Amino acid sequence: MAYLLKQDKELAELDSLLHSGDRSDLLSLIDSLVNVPEISLPSQLVLRVGYNSNLTSQSRTLGFDQFGLIYGASYYHSSGFYLDGSAYWSQEFEPKHYLTIASGGYIYPWSKRLMSVIEYSHLFYSYRGQEADVPFSNNIQVSNFADFKYVSLRLDYSFLFGNESGHRIIPGILFNLKIEKVMGLERITFNPGYTAVFGNDSYTEQIPYTTNPLEVIFRIRRQLPLYYDSTTQGFGVMSHNFVFPLSIHWKKWNLLCSYSFILPRKVAEPIDTDPSGFFSFGLSKTINLK
């Protein structure tokens, strides 16, 4: 969700983070609802902390060269409504706690195999780079899941808005591999997946009216502008995302180890399209509420 600081490359282009689908607590809950929709899950509180290794892309990922921490909590009500708060910390920024995302949504199982999730998120930044531009501070997302035992299909639509607006369409495929009751653990799941982020993008650059020295002098003396804005717009594939998450479930605890590989693609703005990859680790605990 949302490539948010256009002029600050350290925080530019957060879509790969927000649209990666790497929300282990929510996906685990969705998996439970899809596979046993006839069972009403109790209200739950999920506490989590996570770690991201080197994120080295300079465009559509976070861009810090060392590491970052993610921590938060999710509350799921048995009616299907949920609230989520996530905080992001990085040693690269000052203040180090630079971003908080507050979300609320509703999970609805249409059938044993089909499910939809609608979510609204607001992004609060404590970090501001010099002349930073934050075009998107809100996101409304609708996610649809179709489960076929070993394969799950996903189709998301996001509307980003704030000072500007943007659209994202994210199709994806996820493979479900599961081993239950092994080595004293409840289950081990491996869910490799792929998503493509389609979206609209725009890029504005200043073009000189003329490069002729005499004409430049003439415009300066007449106090005429030397440049005009030229905007390029486009819609297309913004990135290809591959994720390889391994989850270990024991009682109310879940350990997530994941590797993500991202291939950014140019739509309108000239960016560095070199691939990037990073490891992430997360630990969460589920507390059933009466």
C-alpha atoms as a PDB file:
ATOM      1  CA  MET A   1       0.000   0.000   0.000  1.00  0.00           C
ATOM      2  CA  ALA A   2       1.085   3.118  -1.137  1.00  0.00           C
ATOM      3  CA  TYR A   3       4.271   4.554  -2.656  1.00  0.00           C
ATOM      4  CA  LEU A   4       4.023   7.446  -0.311  1.00  0.00           C
ATOM      5  CA  LEU A   5       6.993   9.794  -0.388  1.00  0.00           C
ATOM      6  CA  LYS A   6       7.758  10.670  -3.970  1.00  0.00           C
ATOM      7  CA  GLN A   7      10.674  12.993  -3.292  1.00  0.00           C
ATOM      8  CA  ASP A   8      12.216  10.972  -0.459  1.00  0.00           C
ATOM      9  CA  LYS A   9      13.653   7.757  -1.878  1.00  0.00           C
ATOM     10  CA  GLU A  10      14.180   6.238   1.565  1.00  0.00           C
ATOM     11  CA  LEU A  11      10.401   5.972   2.017  1.00  0.00           C
ATOM     12  CA  ALA A  12       9.249   6.015  -1.577  1.00  0.00           C
ATOM     13  CA  GLU A  13       6.928   3.411  -3.053  1.00  0.00           C
ATOM     14  CA  LEU A  14       5.465   1.339  -0.205  1.00  0.00           C
ATOM     15  CA  ASP A  15       3.105  -0.674  -2.443  1.00  0.00           C
ATOM     16  CA  SER A  16       5.213  -3.810  -2.269  1.00  0.00           C
ATOM     17  CA  LEU A  17       5.014  -3.760   1.518  1.00  0.00           C
ATOM     18  CA  LEU A  18       1.321  -2.944   1.812  1.00  0.00           C
ATOM     19  CA  HIS A  19       0.168  -5.173  -1.043  1.00  0.00           C
ATOM     20  CA  SER A  20       2.453  -8.111  -0.418  1.00  0.00           C
ATOM     21  CA  GLY A  21      -0.198 -10.053   1.476  1.00  0.00           C
ATOM     22  CA  ASP A  22       2.323 -10.806   4.215  1.00  0.00           C
ATOM     23  CA  ARG A  23      -0.156 -10.439   7.078  1.00  0.00           C
ATOM     24  CA  SER A  24       0.319 -13.820   8.727  1.00  0.00           C
ATOM     25  CA  ASP A  25      -2.271 -13.324  11.462  1.00  0.00           C
ATOM     26  CA  LEU A  26      -5.035 -12.247   9.071  1.00  0.00           C
ATOM     27  CA  LEU A  27      -4.213 -14.949   6.507  1.00  0.00           C
ATOM     28  CA  SER A  28      -4.179 -17.580   9.251  1.00  0.00           C
ATOM     29  CA  LEU A  29      -7.595 -16.422  10.388  1.00  0.00           C
ATOM     30  CA  ILE A  30      -8.913 -16.462   6.821  1.00  0.00           C
ATOM     31  CA  ASP A  31      -7.554 -19.988   6.387  1.00  0.00           C
ATOM     32  CA  SER A  32      -9.479 -21.102   9.470  1.00  0.00           C
ATOM     33  CA  LEU A  33     -12.711 -19.496   8.285  1.00  0.00           C
ATOM     34  CA  VAL A  34     -12.484 -20.869   4.750  1.00  0.00           C
ATOM     35  CA  ASN A  35     -11.803 -24.437   5.813  1.00  0.00           C
ATOM     36  CA  VAL A  36     -14.322 -24.621   8.657  1.00  0.00           C
ATOM     37  CA  PRO A  37     -17.007 -21.982   7.937  1.00  0.00           C
ATOM     38  CA  GLU A  38     -19.613 -23.911   9.876  1.00  0.00           C
ATOM     39  CA  ILE A  39     -17.612 -23.323  13.085  1.00  0.00           C
ATOM     40  CA  SER A  40     -18.006 -19.878  14.624  1.00  0.00           C
ATOM     41  CA  LEU A  41     -14.575 -18.723  15.733  1.00  0.00           C
ATOM     42  CA  PRO A  42     -14.424 -16.851  19.023  1.00  0.00           C
ATOM     43  CA  SER A  43     -13.354 -13.252  19.235  1.00  0.00           C
ATOM     44  CA  GLN A  44      -9.573 -13.103  19.191  1.00  0.00           C
ATOM     45  CA  LEU A  45      -6.699 -10.780  19.981  1.00  0.00           C
ATOM     46  CA  VAL A  46      -3.458 -11.334  18.059  1.00  0.00           C
ATOM     47  CA  LEU A  47      -0.198  -9.746  19.250  1.00  0.00           C
ATOM     48  CA  ARG A  48       2.785  -9.798  16.910  1.00  0.00           C
ATOM     49  CA  VAL A  49       6.321  -8.559  16.386  1.00  0.00           C
ATOM     50  CA  GLY A  50       8.385  -8.909  13.235  1.00  0.00           C
ATOM     51  CA  TYR A  51      11.787  -8.231  11.712  1.00  0.00           C
ATOM     52  CA  ASN A  52      12.754  -7.311   8.154  1.00  0.00           C
ATOM     53  CA  SER A  53      16.291  -7.814   6.877  1.00  0.00           C
ATOM     54  CA  ASN A  54      18.088  -5.717   4.266  1.00  0.00           C
ATOM     55  CA  LEU A  55      15.688  -3.950   1.929  1.00  0.00           C
ATOM     56  CA  THR A  56      17.922  -2.686  -0.841  1.00  0.00           C
ATOM     57  CA  SER A  57      15.622  -1.547  -3.635  1.00  0.00           C
ATOM     58  CA  GLN A  58      15.706   2.210  -4.159  1.00  0.00           C
ATOM     59  CA  SER A  59      12.224   2.592  -5.601  1.00  0.00           C
ATOM     60  CA  ARG A  60       9.161   0.587  -4.759  1.00  0.00           C
ATOM     61  CA  THR A  61      10.188  -0.972  -1.478  1.00  0.00           C
ATOM     62  CA  LEU A  62      11.124   0.501   1.858  1.00  0.00           C
ATOM     63  CA  GLY A  63      14.720   1.155   0.916  1.00  0.00           C
ATOM     64  CA  PHE A  64      16.509   0.986   4.272  1.00  0.00           C
ATOM     65  CA  ASP A  65      19.859  -0.756   4.014  1.00  0.00           C
ATOM     66  CA  GLN A  66      20.038  -2.303   7.468  1.00  0.00           C
ATOM     67  CA  PHE A  67      16.916  -3.626   9.193  1.00  0.00           C
ATOM     68  CA  GLY A  68      13.480  -2.689  10.426  1.00  0.00           C
ATOM     69  CA  LEU A  69      10.990  -3.889  13.026  1.00  0.00           C
ATOM     70  CA  ILE A  70       7.225  -4.227  12.718  1.00  0.00           C
ATOM     71  CA  TYR A  71       4.976  -4.660  15.727  1.00  0.00           C
ATOM     72  CA  GLY A  72       1.249  -4.513  16.218  1.00  0.00           C
ATOM     73  CA  ALA A  73      -1.995  -6.068  17.337  1.00  0.00           C
ATOM     74  CA  SER A  74      -5.195  -7.269  15.676  1.00  0.00           C
ATOM     75  CA  TYR A  75      -8.627  -7.687  17.237  1.00  0.00           C
ATOM     76  CA  TYR A  76     -11.101  -9.987  15.497  1.00  0.00           C
ATOM     77  CA  HIS A  77     -14.748 -10.072  16.585  1.00  0.00           C
ATOM     78  CA  SER A  78     -16.769 -13.235  16.072  1.00  0.00           C
ATOM     79  CA  SER A  79     -19.153 -11.248  13.841  1.00  0.00           C
ATOM     80  CA  GLY A  80     -16.366 -10.844  11.246  1.00  0.00           C
ATOM     81  CA  PHE A  81     -15.266  -7.278  12.008  1.00  0.00           C
ATOM     82  CA  TYR A  82     -11.633  -6.618  12.927  1.00  0.00           C
ATOM     83  CA  LEU A  83      -9.284  -3.794  13.898  1.00  0.00           C
ATOM     84  CA  ASP A  84      -5.534  -3.700  13.347  1.00  0.00           C
ATOM     85  CA  GLY A  85      -2.698  -1.419  14.352  1.00  0.00           C
ATOM     86  CA  SER A  86       0.846  -1.780  12.968  1.00  0.00           C
ATOM     87  CA  ALA A  87       3.925   0.291  13.784  1.00  0.00           C
ATOM     88  CA  TYR A  88       7.155   0.445  11.758  1.00  0.00           C
ATOM     89  CA  TRP A  89      10.591   1.128  13.198  1.00  0.00           C
ATOM     90  CA  SER A  90      13.890   1.597  11.390  1.00  0.00           C
ATOM     91  CA  GLN A  91      17.345   2.525  12.561  1.00  0.00           C
ATOM     92  CA  GLU A  92      17.734   4.589   9.387  1.00  0.00           C
ATOM     93  CA  PHE A  93      15.189   7.273  10.313  1.00  0.00           C
ATOM     94  CA  GLU A  94      14.729   9.916  12.954  1.00  0.00           C
ATOM     95  CA  PRO A  95      12.410   9.452  14.704  1.00  0.00           C
ATOM     96  CA  LYS A  96      13.017   5.728  14.370  1.00  0.00           C
ATOM     97  CA  HIS A  97       9.320   4.966  14.822  1.00  0.00           C
ATOM     98  CA  TYR A  98       8.373   6.613  11.535  1.00  0.00           C
ATOM     99  CA  LEU A  99       5.083   5.028  10.436  1.00  0.00           C
ATOM    100  CA  THR A 100       1.871   3.746  12.017  1.00  0.00           C
ATOM    101  CA  ILE A 101      -0.964   2.124  10.080  1.00  0.00           C
ATOM    102  CA  ALA A 102      -4.450   1.847  11.590  1.00  0.00           C
ATOM    103  CA  SER A 103      -6.892  -0.481   9.820  1.00  0.00           C
ATOM    104  CA  GLY A 104     -10.409  -1.772  10.201  1.00  0.00           C
ATOM    105  CA  GLY A 105     -12.323  -4.253   8.111  1.00  0.00           C
ATOM    106  CA  TYR A 106     -14.810  -7.052   7.728  1.00  0.00           C
ATOM    107  CA  ILE A 107     -14.254 -10.699   6.763  1.00  0.00           C
ATOM    108  CA  TYR A 108     -17.145 -12.514   5.119  1.00  0.00           C
ATOM    109  CA  PRO A 109     -17.085 -16.202   4.037  1.00  0.00           C
ATOM    110  CA  TRP A 110     -19.438 -16.604   1.085  1.00  0.00           C
ATOM    111  CA  SER A 111     -19.058 -20.365   1.116  1.00  0.00           C
ATOM    112  CA  LYS A 112     -16.601 -23.054   2.128  1.00  0.00           C
ATOM    113  CA  ARG A 113     -14.276 -21.978  -0.693  1.00  0.00           C
ATOM    114  CA  LEU A 114     -14.955 -18.266  -1.221  1.00  0.00           C
ATOM    115  CA  MET A 115     -14.219 -15.321   1.038  1.00  0.00           C
ATOM    116  CA  SER A 116     -14.060 -11.516   0.799  1.00  0.00           C
ATOM    117  CA  VAL A 117     -12.345  -8.960   3.004  1.00  0.00           C
ATOM    118  CA  ILE A 118     -12.957  -5.204   2.885  1.00  0.00           C
ATOM    119  CA  GLU A 119     -10.520  -2.962   4.746  1.00  0.00           C
ATOM    120  CA  TYR A 120      -9.834   0.727   5.302  1.00  0.00           C
ATOM    121  CA  SER A 121      -6.349   1.858   6.372  1.00  0.00           C
ATOM    122  CA  HIS A 122      -4.948   5.228   7.378  1.00  0.00           C
ATOM    123  CA  LEU A 123      -1.213   5.929   7.438  1.00  0.00           C
ATOM    124  CA  PHE A 124       0.316   8.210  10.069  1.00  0.00           C
ATOM    125  CA  TYR A 125       3.875   9.382   9.378  1.00  0.00           C
ATOM    126  CA  SER A 126       6.137  10.749  12.087  1.00  0.00           C
ATOM    127  CA  TYR A 127       9.044  10.909   9.604  1.00  0.00           C
ATOM    128  CA  ARG A 128       9.272  13.795   7.161  1.00  0.00           C
ATOM    129  CA  GLY A 129      12.140  14.219   4.777  1.00  0.00           C
ATOM    130  CA  GLN A 130      12.994  17.622   3.371  1.00  0.00           C
ATOM    131  CA  GLU A 131      10.309  18.711   0.883  1.00  0.00           C
ATOM    132  CA  ALA A 132       8.654  15.306   1.253  1.00  0.00           C
ATOM    133  CA  ASP A 133       5.444  14.753  -0.666  1.00  0.00           C
ATOM    134  CA  VAL A 134       2.850  12.345   0.773  1.00  0.00           C
ATOM    135  CA  PRO A 135       0.257  11.817  -1.966  1.00  0.00           C
ATOM    136  CA  PHE A 136      -1.513   8.840  -0.344  1.00  0.00           C
ATOM    137  CA  SER A 137      -2.498   8.607   3.314  1.00  0.00           C
ATOM    138  CA  ASN A 138      -5.607   6.424   2.978  1.00  0.00           C
ATOM    139  CA  ASN A 139      -6.356   3.064   1.416  1.00  0.00           C
ATOM    140  CA  ILE A 140      -9.596   1.180   0.811  1.00  0.00           C
ATOM    141  CA  GLN A 141      -8.998  -2.408  -0.231  1.00  0.00           C
ATOM    142  CA  VAL A 142     -11.272  -5.277  -1.213  1.00  0.00           C
ATOM    143  CA  SER A 143      -9.648  -8.736  -1.214  1.00  0.00           C
ATOM    144  CA  ASN A 144     -11.260 -11.872  -2.600  1.00  0.00           C
ATOM    145  CA  PHE A 145     -10.035 -15.421  -1.938  1.00  0.00           C
ATOM    146  CA  ALA A 146     -10.948 -18.692  -3.654  1.00  0.00           C
ATOM    147  CA  ASP A 147      -9.606 -21.822  -1.965  1.00  0.00           C
ATOM    148  CA  PHE A 148      -9.092 -25.114  -3.836  1.00  0.00           C
ATOM    149  CA  LYS A 149      -7.339 -27.203  -1.168  1.00  0.00           C
ATOM    150  CA  TYR A 150      -3.763 -27.004  -2.471  1.00  0.00           C
ATOM    151  CA  VAL A 151      -4.153 -23.758  -4.429  1.00  0.00           C
ATOM    152  CA  SER A 152      -5.731 -20.441  -3.453  1.00  0.00           C
ATOM    153  CA  LEU A 153      -6.488 -17.612  -5.869  1.00  0.00           C
ATOM    154  CA  ARG A 154      -6.550 -14.001  -4.751  1.00  0.00           C
ATOM    155  CA  LEU A 155      -7.784 -10.795  -6.380  1.00  0.00           C
ATOM    156  CA  ASP A 156      -7.460  -7.428  -4.628  1.00  0.00           C
ATOM    157  CA  TYR A 157      -8.506  -3.927  -5.559  1.00  0.00           C
ATOM    158  CA  SER A 158      -7.146  -0.872  -3.729  1.00  0.00           C
ATOM    159  CA  PHE A 159      -8.129   2.766  -3.958  1.00  0.00           C
ATOM    160  CA  LEU A 160      -5.421   5.030  -2.549  1.00  0.00           C
ATOM    161  CA  PHE A 161      -6.249   8.642  -1.793  1.00  0.00           C
ATOM    162  CA  GLY A 162      -5.066  11.728   0.045  1.00  0.00           C
ATOM    163  CA  ASN A 163      -3.468  14.651  -1.768  1.00  0.00           C
ATOM    164  CA  GLU A 164      -3.652  12.477  -4.881  1.00  0.00           C
ATOM    165  CA  SER A 165      -5.445   9.250  -5.793  1.00  0.00           C
ATOM    166  CA  GLY A 166      -4.367   5.945  -7.278  1.00  0.00           C
ATOM    167  CA  HIS A 167      -5.716   2.523  -8.150  1.00  0.00           C
ATOM    168  CA  ARG A 168      -4.146  -0.893  -7.634  1.00  0.00           C
ATOM    169  CA  ILE A 169      -5.306  -4.267  -8.935  1.00  0.00           C
ATOM    170  CA  ILE A 170      -3.450  -7.234  -7.460  1.00  0.00           C
ATOM    171  CA  PRO A 171      -4.095 -10.775  -8.760  1.00  0.00           C
ATOM    172  CA  GLY A 172      -2.234 -13.590  -7.088  1.00  0.00           C
ATOM    173  CA  ILE A 173      -1.877 -17.313  -6.587  1.00  0.00           C
ATOM    174  CA  LEU A 174      -0.927 -19.110  -3.375  1.00  0.00           C
ATOM    175  CA  PHE A 175       0.007 -22.763  -2.877  1.00  0.00           C
ATOM    176  CA  ASN A 176      -1.103 -24.472   0.330  1.00  0.00           C
ATOM    177  CA  LEU A 177       1.223 -27.138   1.688  1.00  0.00           C
ATOM    178  CA  LYS A 178       0.543 -28.334   5.221  1.00  0.00           C
ATOM    179  CA  ILE A 179       1.892 -30.937   7.642  1.00  0.00           C
ATOM    180  CA  GLU A 180      -0.070 -31.525  10.848  1.00  0.00           C
ATOM    181  CA  LYS A 181       0.916 -33.059  14.181  1.00  0.00           C
ATOM    182  CA  VAL A 182       4.658 -33.277  13.636  1.00  0.00           C
ATOM    183  CA  MET A 183       7.432 -33.073  16.275  1.00  0.00           C
ATOM    184  CA  GLY A 184       4.976 -31.909  18.905  1.00  0.00           C
ATOM    185  CA  LEU A 185       3.786 -29.019  16.708  1.00  0.00           C
ATOM    186  CA  GLU A 186       0.197 -28.529  15.644  1.00  0.00           C
ATOM    187  CA  ARG A 187       1.112 -27.880  12.020  1.00  0.00           C
ATOM    188  CA  ILE A 188       3.722 -26.512   9.654  1.00  0.00           C
ATOM    189  CA  THR A 189       2.519 -24.669   6.568  1.00  0.00           C
ATOM    190  CA  PHE A 190       4.400 -23.513   3.488  1.00  0.00           C
ATOM    191  CA  ASN A 191       2.525 -21.054   1.254  1.00  0.00           C
ATOM    192  CA  PRO A 192       4.682 -19.886  -1.670  1.00  0.00           C
ATOM    193  CA  GLY A 193       2.865 -17.334  -3.766  1.00  0.00           C
ATOM    194  CA  TYR A 194       3.014 -14.773  -6.527  1.00  0.00           C
ATOM    195  CA  THR A 195       1.242 -11.449  -6.937  1.00  0.00           C
ATOM    196  CA  ALA A 196       1.376  -8.815  -9.659  1.00  0.00           C
ATOM    197  CA  VAL A 197       0.622  -5.204  -8.756  1.00  0.00           C
ATOM    198  CA  PHE A 198      -1.150  -3.280 -11.537  1.00  0.00           C
ATOM    199  CA  GLY A 199      -1.599   0.436 -10.993  1.00  0.00           C
ATOM    200  CA  ASN A 200      -1.655   3.936 -12.373  1.00  0.00           C
ATOM    201  CA  ASP A 201       1.398   6.148 -12.094  1.00  0.00           C
ATOM    202  CA  SER A 202       2.336   9.672 -13.099  1.00  0.00           C
ATOM    203  CA  TYR A 203       5.620  11.498 -13.466  1.00  0.00           C
ATOM    204  CA  THR A 204       6.082  15.256 -13.788  1.00  0.00           C
ATOM    205  CA  GLU A 205       9.321  16.789 -15.002  1.00  0.00           C
ATOM    206  CA  GLN A 206      10.342  20.325 -15.864  1.00  0.00           C
ATOM    207  CA  ILE A 207      11.167  20.943 -19.530  1.00  0.00           C
ATOM    208  CA  PRO A 208      13.012  24.105 -20.647  1.00  0.00           C
ATOM    209  CA  TYR A 209      11.137  26.316 -23.064  1.00  0.00           C
ATOM    210  CA  THR A 210      14.367  26.811 -24.961  1.00  0.00           C
ATOM    211  CA  THR A 211      18.045  25.967 -24.770  1.00  0.00           C
ATOM    212  CA  ASN A 212      19.125  28.822 -27.038  1.00  0.00           C
ATOM    213  CA  PRO A 213      21.305  31.161 -24.910  1.00  0.00           C
ATOM    214  CA  LEU A 214      19.889  34.341 -26.458  1.00  0.00           C
ATOM    215  CA  GLU A 215      16.317  33.182 -25.939  1.00  0.00           C
ATOM    216  CA  VAL A 216      17.099  32.206 -22.348  1.00  0.00           C
ATOM    217  CA  ILE A 217      18.506  35.720 -21.696  1.00  0.00           C
ATOM    218  CA  PHE A 218      15.436  37.244 -23.338  1.00  0.00           C
ATOM    219  CA  ARG A 219      13.070  35.238 -21.092  1.00  0.00           C
ATOM    220  CA  ILE A 220      15.062  36.137 -17.967  1.00  0.00           C
ATOM    221  CA  ARG A 221      14.953  39.854 -18.793  1.00  0.00           C
ATOM    222  CA  ARG A 222      11.208  39.671 -19.440  1.00  0.00           C
ATOM    223  CA  GLN A 223      10.743  37.632 -16.219  1.00  0.00           C
ATOM    224  CA  LEU A 224       9.247  34.802 -18.207  1.00  0.00           C
ATOM    225  CA  PRO A 225       9.391  31.215 -16.917  1.00  0.00           C
ATOM    226  CA  LEU A 226      12.277  29.117 -18.161  1.00  0.00           C
ATOM    227  CA  TYR A 227      10.556  25.742 -17.650  1.00  0.00           C
ATOM    228  CA  TYR A 228       7.143  24.170 -18.007  1.00  0.00           C
ATOM    229  CA  ASP A 229       5.760  21.021 -16.380  1.00  0.00           C
ATOM    230  CA  SER A 230       5.316  17.929 -18.516  1.00  0.00           C
ATOM    231  CA  THR A 231       3.316  15.057 -16.965  1.00  0.00           C
ATOM    232  CA  THR A 232       3.475  11.470 -18.172  1.00  0.00           C
ATOM    233  CA  GLN A 233       0.728   9.097 -17.036  1.00  0.00           C
ATOM    234  CA  GLY A 234       0.350   5.376 -17.441  1.00  0.00           C
ATOM    235  CA  PHE A 235      -1.221   2.183 -16.153  1.00  0.00           C
ATOM    236  CA  GLY A 236       0.496  -1.177 -16.046  1.00  0.00           C
ATOM    237  CA  VAL A 237       2.416  -3.714 -13.991  1.00  0.00           C
ATOM    238  CA  MET A 238       4.239  -1.910 -11.175  1.00  0.00           C
ATOM    239  CA  SER A 239       5.897  -4.981  -9.699  1.00  0.00           C
ATOM    240  CA  HIS A 240       6.048  -8.770  -9.665  1.00  0.00           C
ATOM    241  CA  ASN A 241       6.199 -10.117  -6.098  1.00  0.00           C
ATOM    242  CA  PHE A 242       7.231 -13.612  -5.043  1.00  0.00           C
ATOM    243  CA  VAL A 243       6.882 -14.672  -1.415  1.00  0.00           C
ATOM    244  CA  PHE A 244       7.952 -17.889   0.313  1.00  0.00           C
ATOM    245  CA  PRO A 245       6.478 -17.979   3.842  1.00  0.00           C
ATOM    246  CA  LEU A 246       6.949 -20.879   6.248  1.00  0.00           C
ATOM    247  CA  SER A 247       4.699 -20.882   9.323  1.00  0.00           C
ATOM    248  CA  ILE A 248       5.100 -23.001  12.423  1.00  0.00           C
ATOM    249  CA  HIS A 249       2.041 -23.302  14.678  1.00  0.00           C
ATOM    250  CA  TRP A 250       2.272 -24.414  18.316  1.00  0.00           C
ATOM    251  CA  LYS A 251      -0.722 -23.959  20.600  1.00  0.00           C
ATOM    252  CA  LYS A 252      -1.538 -20.224  20.394  1.00  0.00           C
ATOM    253  CA  TRP A 253       1.846 -19.253  18.966  1.00  0.00           C
ATOM    254  CA  ASN A 254       2.817 -18.794  15.334  1.00  0.00           C
ATOM    255  CA  LEU A 255       6.348 -18.326  13.983  1.00  0.00           C
ATOM    256  CA  LEU A 256       6.618 -16.974  10.440  1.00  0.00           C
ATOM    257  CA  CYS A 257       9.828 -17.106   8.376  1.00  0.00           C
ATOM    258  CA  SER A 258       9.538 -15.604   4.917  1.00  0.00           C
ATOM    259  CA  TYR A 259      11.602 -14.557   1.925  1.00  0.00           C
ATOM    260  CA  SER A 260      10.248 -11.984  -0.535  1.00  0.00           C
ATOM    261  CA  PHE A 261      11.613 -11.288  -4.009  1.00  0.00           C
ATOM    262  CA  ILE A 262      10.422  -8.176  -5.846  1.00  0.00           C
ATOM    263  CA  LEU A 263      10.792  -7.185  -9.492  1.00  0.00           C
ATOM    264  CA  PRO A 264       9.818  -3.497  -9.880  1.00  0.00           C
ATOM    265  CA  ARG A 265       8.608  -2.332 -13.286  1.00  0.00           C
ATOM    266  CA  LYS A 266       8.486   1.147 -14.791  1.00  0.00           C
ATOM    267  CA  VAL A 267       5.029   2.528 -15.573  1.00  0.00           C
ATOM    268  CA  ALA A 268       5.530   6.283 -15.892  1.00  0.00           C
ATOM    269  CA  GLU A 269       8.129   7.462 -13.385  1.00  0.00           C
ATOM    270  CA  PRO A 270      11.736   6.469 -14.229  1.00  0.00           C
ATOM    271  CA  ILE A 271      12.820   4.170 -11.404  1.00  0.00           C
ATOM    272  CA  ASP A 272      15.508   1.660 -10.611  1.00  0.00           C
ATOM    273  CA  THR A 273      14.060  -1.668 -11.771  1.00  0.00           C
ATOM    274  CA  ASP A 274      16.782  -3.840 -10.264  1.00  0.00           C
ATOM    275  CA  PRO A 275      15.273  -6.789  -8.351  1.00  0.00           C
ATOM    276  CA  SER A 276      15.446  -6.863  -4.565  1.00  0.00           C
ATOM    277  CA  GLY A 277      14.885  -9.464  -1.903  1.00  0.00           C
ATOM    278  CA  PHE A 278      14.583  -9.557   1.852  1.00  0.00           C
ATOM    279  CA  PHE A 279      13.941 -11.929   4.726  1.00  0.00           C
ATOM    280  CA  SER A 280      11.308 -11.341   7.370  1.00  0.00           C
ATOM    281  CA  PHE A 281      10.553 -13.096  10.634  1.00  0.00           C
ATOM    282  CA  GLY A 282       7.454 -12.727  12.749  1.00  0.00           C
ATOM    283  CA  LEU A 283       6.172 -14.097  16.025  1.00  0.00           C
ATOM    284  CA  SER A 284       2.513 -13.814  16.997  1.00  0.00           C
ATOM    285  CA  LYS A 285       0.272 -15.070  19.790  1.00  0.00           C
ATOM    286  CA  THR A 286      -3.482 -15.565  19.579  1.00  0.00           C
ATOM    287  CA  ILE A 287      -5.620 -14.952  22.656  1.00  0.00           C
ATOM    288  CA  ASN A 288      -9.199 -16.225  22.534  1.00  0.00           C
ATOM    289  CA  LEU A 289     -11.680 -13.827  24.108  1.00  0.00           C
ATOM    290  CA  LYS A 290     -15.006 -14.733  25.677  1.00  0.00           C
END
